[in-house]
Amino acid sequence: MTLEGIIIFLLVGGVAGWLAGLIVRGGGFGIIGNIAVGIIGAFVAGFLFPVFGISLGAGIVAAILHATIGAVVLLLIVRVLKRA
């Protein structure tokens, strides 16, 4: 992976984590937290979307949507587990 690819990966993760924080909690988690939530969310969505036959297409916007949806699912799971 090139330096450009890593920077894009981190930016997509940060934007997705920030959006997921706004959707689920009403706020972000800081730069590092947003990136972590976004990247983990992208992995969650990468696992769940093929199971349900969902495809968002290609491109940066699709990548951000993909990671954001996965991050929202991740944050909702964490919220449920915290209540237990």
Protein backbone atom coordinates (compact mmCIF):
# COMPACT_ATOMS: atom_id res chain seq x y z
CA MET A 1 0.00 0.00 0.00
CA THR A 2 1.34 3.39 -0.95
CA LEU A 3 1.50 6.42 1.32
CA GLU A 4 -1.37 7.95 -0.65
CA GLY A 5 -3.48 4.83 -0.09
CA ILE A 6 -2.79 4.89 3.64
CA ILE A 7 -3.77 8.55 3.88
CA ILE A 8 -7.03 7.92 1.99
CA PHE A 9 -7.70 4.88 4.20
CA LEU A 10 -7.27 7.01 7.33
CA LEU A 11 -9.37 9.88 5.95
CA VAL A 12 -12.24 7.55 5.00
CA GLY A 13 -12.04 5.95 8.45
CA GLY A 14 -12.05 9.33 10.16
CA VAL A 15 -15.02 10.66 8.20
CA ALA A 16 -16.96 7.43 8.67
CA GLY A 17 -16.25 7.35 12.41
CA TRP A 18 -17.24 11.00 12.78
CA LEU A 19 -20.51 10.45 10.89
CA ALA A 20 -21.29 7.33 12.91
CA GLY A 21 -20.62 9.26 16.11
CA LEU A 22 -23.06 11.95 15.03
CA ILE A 23 -25.71 9.37 14.10
CA VAL A 24 -25.44 7.17 17.19
CA ARG A 25 -24.23 9.34 20.07
CA GLY A 26 -24.62 12.89 18.84
CA GLY A 27 -20.87 13.62 18.86
CA GLY A 28 -17.48 12.42 17.73
CA PHE A 29 -14.78 10.48 19.55
CA GLY A 30 -11.72 12.56 18.70
CA ILE A 31 -9.51 12.06 15.68
CA ILE A 32 -7.97 8.74 16.75
CA GLY A 33 -11.29 7.36 18.03
CA ASN A 34 -13.12 8.34 14.84
CA ILE A 35 -10.47 6.71 12.66
CA ALA A 36 -10.54 3.52 14.74
CA VAL A 37 -14.35 3.32 14.75
CA GLY A 38 -14.48 4.00 10.99
CA ILE A 39 -11.84 1.40 10.12
CA ILE A 40 -13.37 -1.27 12.35
CA GLY A 41 -16.79 -0.33 10.95
CA ALA A 42 -15.49 -0.86 7.42
CA PHE A 43 -14.41 -4.37 8.39
CA VAL A 44 -17.81 -5.04 10.00
CA ALA A 45 -19.62 -3.85 6.87
CA GLY A 46 -17.19 -5.81 4.70
CA PHE A 47 -18.32 -8.93 6.52
CA LEU A 48 -22.05 -8.15 6.75
CA PHE A 49 -22.79 -6.67 3.30
CA PRO A 50 -21.89 -9.80 1.28
CA VAL A 51 -23.93 -11.95 3.69
CA PHE A 52 -27.03 -9.87 2.90
CA GLY A 53 -26.14 -9.36 -0.78
CA ILE A 54 -25.70 -5.58 -0.48
CA SER A 55 -23.38 -3.66 -2.80
CA LEU A 56 -22.90 0.10 -2.70
CA GLY A 57 -20.61 0.31 -5.74
CA ALA A 58 -17.12 1.73 -5.99
CA GLY A 59 -15.53 5.06 -5.27
CA ILE A 60 -14.76 7.24 -2.30
CA VAL A 61 -18.39 8.10 -1.48
CA ALA A 62 -19.35 4.42 -1.51
CA ALA A 63 -16.36 3.65 0.73
CA ILE A 64 -17.42 6.32 3.21
CA LEU A 65 -21.04 5.07 3.21
CA HIS A 66 -19.86 1.49 3.58
CA ALA A 67 -17.62 2.31 6.53
CA THR A 68 -20.22 4.60 8.13
CA ILE A 69 -22.93 1.94 8.06
CA GLY A 70 -20.53 -0.59 9.53
CA ALA A 71 -19.45 1.89 12.21
CA VAL A 72 -23.08 2.61 13.15
CA VAL A 73 -23.71 -1.14 13.49
CA LEU A 74 -20.54 -1.43 15.60
CA LEU A 75 -21.56 1.43 17.89
CA LEU A 76 -25.07 0.03 18.32
CA ILE A 77 -23.63 -3.36 19.27
CA VAL A 78 -21.28 -1.71 21.77
CA ARG A 79 -24.21 0.27 23.22
CA VAL A 80 -26.26 -2.93 23.69
CA LEU A 81 -23.32 -4.74 25.30
CA LYS A 82 -22.67 -1.84 27.68
CA ARG A 83 -26.24 -2.06 28.97
CA ALA A 84 -25.93 -5.77 29.68
